[in-house]
Amino acid sequence: MRLGEIYDFLDALSPFSTQASWDNSGLLIGSRDDEIAQIYLSLDVDSALLEEVVENSLIITHHPLIFSGLKQLNFAKYPSNLIQTMVQKKISLIAMHTNFDLSHLNAYVASKLGFVVSESKEFVAYCDVNQSFDDLALHVKRILGIENLRLVRAKEWIGRCAITTGSGGDLISKIDADCFLSGDLKYHQAMEAKENNLSLIDIGHFESERYFPECLANYLKNLPLKAIMSNSKNPFEYK
């Protein structure tokens, strides 16, 4: 199957034009005329994944391997070392990042939690949950399998919650809800939220986005190529 056909399918599913201005989603490595024999789905590209990927494959990731302009290719360092391997093995790469957050991933994680999205604004999904803050926190902890949650308690009752997978702390000033679920939340963002009467639940960057492969796989079933889901590893360890 031609890479261009796959790209057009993905673009119709989740338009790359909707990505955030700072993002770099789209075709990052390869040509539309490349013939693809196998598709792999992963949160990230890493050396372990490239060891198992066969030649003439396409990797579709959530996070772009190339984010800003590369001024040099030092093949001894990340990400150039991975790019070298991919070129040698004729492996193509498409990233579906903020465009997929907007179209699918926020809502998919909400559904994992048993919530229905009532409204979406930019990169935030809103859900009516109507439960105590403690009950919501315990529910999130159990469903997402997060051992230790970081919390900011500003309200005891949560009628409406907001969800942004990945890193959504910069959106705190725009959130119109009782509680915001996101990852990579910083100290000063926590202070801002608490003073503005907004509760926070840090659901982790990796923990909230690891569902990307299974979410996208649901839409690739009608393609003539099998999509293999990779189990991405969190670079952080917890003791």
Protein backbone atom coordinates (compact mmCIF):
# COMPACT_ATOMS: atom_id res chain seq x y z
CA MET A 1 0.00 0.00 0.00
CA ARG A 2 1.31 3.44 -0.88
CA LEU A 3 2.24 5.74 1.97
CA GLY A 4 0.28 8.53 0.33
CA GLU A 5 -2.93 6.51 0.56
CA ILE A 6 -2.38 5.88 4.26
CA TYR A 7 -1.57 9.54 4.88
CA ASP A 8 -4.76 10.66 3.13
CA PHE A 9 -6.79 8.21 5.21
CA LEU A 10 -5.27 9.53 8.43
CA ASP A 11 -5.74 13.13 7.31
CA ALA A 12 -9.44 12.51 6.72
CA LEU A 13 -9.73 10.82 10.12
CA SER A 14 -7.89 13.55 12.03
CA PRO A 15 -6.91 16.53 9.84
CA PHE A 16 -3.28 17.51 10.26
CA SER A 17 -4.30 21.13 9.61
CA THR A 18 -5.98 21.22 13.03
CA GLN A 19 -2.75 20.66 14.98
CA ALA A 20 -1.48 23.37 17.33
CA SER A 21 0.72 26.05 15.76
CA TRP A 22 3.80 24.82 17.67
CA ASP A 23 3.30 21.15 16.74
CA ASN A 24 4.99 19.07 14.04
CA SER A 25 2.47 16.38 13.17
CA GLY A 26 2.33 14.85 9.71
CA LEU A 27 4.74 12.94 7.45
CA LEU A 28 8.18 13.30 9.08
CA ILE A 29 10.22 10.59 7.33
CA GLY A 30 9.49 9.02 3.96
CA SER A 31 7.81 9.78 0.65
CA ARG A 32 4.18 9.51 -0.42
CA ASP A 33 5.32 7.05 -3.10
CA ASP A 34 6.89 4.62 -0.61
CA GLU A 35 5.39 1.13 -0.65
CA ILE A 36 4.45 0.10 2.88
CA ALA A 37 4.42 -3.55 3.92
CA GLN A 38 3.59 -3.18 7.62
CA ILE A 39 2.23 -0.56 10.04
CA TYR A 40 3.33 -0.11 13.66
CA LEU A 41 1.51 2.08 16.19
CA SER A 42 3.38 3.57 19.13
CA LEU A 43 3.37 6.49 21.51
CA ASP A 44 7.04 7.21 20.67
CA VAL A 45 9.90 5.99 18.53
CA ASP A 46 12.77 4.46 20.47
CA SER A 47 15.66 2.09 19.76
CA ALA A 48 13.79 -0.92 21.15
CA LEU A 49 10.93 -0.39 18.72
CA LEU A 50 13.26 -0.01 15.74
CA GLU A 51 14.87 -3.37 16.53
CA GLU A 52 11.56 -5.15 15.90
CA VAL A 53 10.26 -3.09 12.98
CA VAL A 54 10.81 -4.77 9.60
CA GLU A 55 12.02 -2.93 6.51
CA ASN A 56 9.56 -0.97 4.35
CA SER A 57 7.30 -0.29 7.31
CA LEU A 58 5.43 2.78 8.51
CA ILE A 59 5.46 3.81 12.16
CA ILE A 60 2.60 6.02 13.29
CA THR A 61 3.39 7.72 16.59
CA HIS A 62 1.65 10.22 18.81
CA HIS A 63 4.75 12.24 19.67
CA PRO A 64 6.75 13.72 16.75
CA LEU A 65 10.34 12.45 16.69
CA ILE A 66 11.36 15.72 15.02
CA PHE A 67 9.90 18.70 16.87
CA SER A 68 12.06 21.68 15.98
CA GLY A 69 14.50 22.28 13.16
CA LEU A 70 17.56 20.03 13.22
CA LYS A 71 20.79 21.98 12.59
CA GLN A 72 22.92 18.86 12.42
CA LEU A 73 22.60 15.08 12.28
CA ASN A 74 24.88 13.63 14.96
CA PHE A 75 24.23 9.92 14.56
CA ALA A 76 25.61 9.24 18.03
CA LYS A 77 22.81 11.25 19.67
CA TYR A 78 19.00 11.18 19.87
CA PRO A 79 17.03 11.76 17.67
CA SER A 80 19.56 11.59 14.81
CA ASN A 81 20.59 8.04 15.75
CA LEU A 82 16.99 6.86 15.33
CA ILE A 83 16.57 8.77 12.08
CA GLN A 84 19.68 7.07 10.68
CA THR A 85 18.32 3.62 11.53
CA MET A 86 14.95 4.44 9.99
CA VAL A 87 16.50 5.65 6.73
CA GLN A 88 18.72 2.56 6.55
CA LYS A 89 15.75 0.23 7.08
CA LYS A 90 13.44 2.26 4.80
CA ILE A 91 11.08 2.97 7.68
CA SER A 92 8.63 5.86 7.26
CA LEU A 93 7.19 7.95 10.08
CA ILE A 94 3.92 9.83 10.56
CA ALA A 95 3.11 11.68 13.80
CA MET A 96 -0.46 12.35 14.93
CA HIS A 97 -0.12 14.57 17.97
CA THR A 98 -2.32 17.54 18.87
CA ASN A 99 -4.60 16.93 15.88
CA PHE A 100 -5.41 13.49 17.31
CA ASP A 101 -5.80 14.86 20.84
CA LEU A 102 -8.39 17.22 19.42
CA SER A 103 -10.28 14.70 17.33
CA HIS A 104 -10.03 11.46 19.32
CA LEU A 105 -7.65 10.93 22.24
CA ASN A 106 -9.18 13.26 24.84
CA ALA A 107 -12.60 11.71 24.25
CA TYR A 108 -11.13 8.19 24.24
CA VAL A 109 -9.50 8.65 27.65
CA ALA A 110 -12.74 10.16 28.93
CA SER A 111 -14.58 7.05 27.74
CA LYS A 112 -12.01 4.85 29.50
CA LEU A 113 -13.02 6.66 32.68
CA GLY A 114 -16.70 6.03 31.89
CA PHE A 115 -17.39 9.69 31.10
CA VAL A 116 -19.24 11.17 28.14
CA VAL A 117 -17.84 14.32 26.56
CA SER A 118 -20.50 17.02 26.69
CA GLU A 119 -18.40 19.75 25.07
CA SER A 120 -15.00 20.21 23.43
CA LYS A 121 -13.18 23.53 23.32
CA GLU A 122 -9.83 23.67 21.55
CA PHE A 123 -7.77 20.89 23.14
CA VAL A 124 -10.01 20.36 26.19
CA ALA A 125 -12.83 17.82 26.58
CA TYR A 126 -15.51 18.59 29.18
CA CYS A 127 -17.54 15.95 31.02
CA ASP A 128 -20.31 16.09 33.62
CA VAL A 129 -19.26 13.77 36.46
CA ASN A 130 -21.22 14.93 39.55
CA GLN A 131 -19.24 13.28 42.34
CA SER A 132 -17.03 14.22 45.25
CA PHE A 133 -13.42 15.14 44.59
CA ASP A 134 -12.20 12.17 46.63
CA ASP A 135 -14.40 9.71 44.74
CA LEU A 136 -13.28 11.14 41.41
CA ALA A 137 -9.62 10.91 42.39
CA LEU A 138 -9.95 7.29 43.53
CA HIS A 139 -11.83 6.39 40.35
CA VAL A 140 -9.16 7.98 38.13
CA LYS A 141 -6.40 6.28 40.11
CA ARG A 142 -8.00 2.84 39.75
CA ILE A 143 -9.00 3.05 36.08
CA LEU A 144 -5.76 4.59 34.79
CA GLY A 145 -3.60 2.45 37.06
CA ILE A 146 -1.70 5.35 38.60
CA GLU A 147 -0.14 4.33 41.91
CA ASN A 148 0.29 7.82 43.34
CA LEU A 149 -1.83 10.76 42.22
CA ARG A 150 -0.79 14.39 42.63
CA LEU A 151 -3.85 16.43 43.59
CA VAL A 152 -4.83 20.05 44.12
CA ARG A 153 -7.98 20.28 46.20
CA ALA A 154 -9.98 23.45 45.57
CA LYS A 155 -13.54 22.08 45.54
CA GLU A 156 -15.07 19.15 47.36
CA TRP A 157 -17.81 18.55 44.78
CA ILE A 158 -17.02 18.14 41.08
CA GLY A 159 -19.93 18.72 38.79
CA ARG A 160 -17.94 19.25 35.60
CA CYS A 161 -14.40 18.14 34.83
CA ALA A 162 -12.06 18.96 31.98
CA ILE A 163 -9.58 16.56 30.38
CA THR A 164 -6.48 17.25 28.29
CA THR A 165 -4.19 14.29 27.71
CA GLY A 166 -0.45 14.84 27.82
CA SER A 167 0.68 18.22 29.08
CA GLY A 168 -2.14 20.73 29.52
CA GLY A 169 -0.96 22.97 32.33
CA ASP A 170 -0.70 26.03 30.08
CA LEU A 171 -4.46 25.83 29.54
CA ILE A 172 -5.37 26.23 33.23
CA SER A 173 -6.41 29.88 32.90
CA LYS A 174 -8.94 28.91 30.20
CA ILE A 175 -10.53 25.94 31.98
CA ASP A 176 -14.25 26.32 32.73
CA ALA A 177 -14.81 23.42 35.13
CA ASP A 178 -14.54 22.33 38.75
CA CYS A 179 -11.60 20.00 38.16
CA PHE A 180 -8.95 19.65 35.45
CA LEU A 181 -7.34 16.30 34.58
CA SER A 182 -4.02 16.55 32.75
CA GLY A 183 -0.33 15.67 33.03
CA ASP A 184 3.02 17.39 33.65
CA LEU A 185 1.41 19.92 35.97
CA LYS A 186 3.89 22.37 37.50
CA TYR A 187 4.06 23.98 40.93
CA HIS A 188 3.11 27.49 39.82
CA GLN A 189 0.27 26.10 37.72
CA ALA A 190 -0.99 24.33 40.83
CA MET A 191 -0.86 27.60 42.77
CA GLU A 192 -2.77 29.39 40.03
CA ALA A 193 -5.44 26.68 39.93
CA LYS A 194 -5.94 26.57 43.69
CA GLU A 195 -6.26 30.35 43.96
CA ASN A 196 -8.78 30.30 41.11
CA ASN A 197 -10.86 27.57 42.79
CA LEU A 198 -9.96 24.88 40.26
CA SER A 199 -9.11 21.38 41.51
CA LEU A 200 -6.42 19.42 39.68
CA ILE A 201 -5.66 15.75 39.17
CA ASP A 202 -2.30 15.03 37.54
CA ILE A 203 -2.96 11.97 35.36
CA GLY A 204 0.59 11.87 33.98
CA HIS A 205 1.87 12.51 30.48
CA PHE A 206 2.69 8.90 29.62
CA GLU A 207 -0.22 7.48 31.61
CA SER A 208 -2.81 9.60 29.82
CA GLU A 209 -1.41 9.18 26.30
CA ARG A 210 -0.44 5.52 26.31
CA TYR A 211 -3.90 4.74 24.87
CA PHE A 212 -2.97 6.27 21.50
CA PRO A 213 -2.12 2.96 19.75
CA GLU A 214 -5.30 1.15 20.78
CA CYS A 215 -7.46 4.17 20.00
CA LEU A 216 -6.05 4.59 16.47
CA ALA A 217 -6.05 0.83 15.83
CA ASN A 218 -9.84 0.86 16.00
CA TYR A 219 -9.91 2.97 12.82
CA LEU A 220 -7.30 1.05 10.83
CA LYS A 221 -9.12 -2.28 10.75
CA ASN A 222 -10.39 -1.73 7.21
CA LEU A 223 -6.95 -1.07 5.75
CA PRO A 224 -5.34 -3.98 3.86
CA LEU A 225 -2.31 -3.84 6.20
CA LYS A 226 -2.23 -5.20 9.71
CA ALA A 227 -1.39 -2.63 12.39
CA ILE A 228 0.90 -3.87 15.16
CA MET A 229 0.60 -2.06 18.48
CA SER A 230 3.83 -1.38 20.35
CA ASN A 231 3.90 -1.23 24.14
CA SER A 232 5.76 2.02 24.70
CA LYS A 233 7.78 2.32 27.90
CA ASN A 234 7.64 5.21 30.31
CA PRO A 235 11.16 6.72 30.51
CA PHE A 236 10.54 7.51 34.19
CA GLU A 237 10.83 5.00 37.03
CA TYR A 238 9.17 5.41 40.42
CA LYS A 239 10.52 4.06 43.70
